[in-house]
């Protein structure tokens, strides 16, 4: 019988690199914010963020594991636009997510892709 390993990516990263947990958490928070923004705003030649831009800005190991994560994720989940909003609503109150919404202000959506308007704010039930 195989024992499942405990999942603590921040703690494990901090331990592996000899860094404080708060430093690792801050780096991950900022990295994910920048990755999200770059994807939203990316224009490029044909809007292929994964193929045209990201591999030039991430270390090979990080890109390899990100693609592996996305591949496994796509196998396991039927993800459609708006699904992230459903998770936010289910996993926390609007007040829990509101402090981060200001970070999206000023972002310019790529002309290659548009976003459907959301039916409700995170933490609220869509009408």
Foldseek 3Di string as FASTA:
>chain_A
DDDDDDDDVLVVVCVVVVHDSVVSVVVVVVVVLVVVLCLFQPAPDQSPCLPPPDVVPDPPVVNVVVVVVVVVCVVPDPDDPPVVLVVQLVVDALVVCVVCPVSCPPRDGHPNDDHDDDQDGRNDDRD
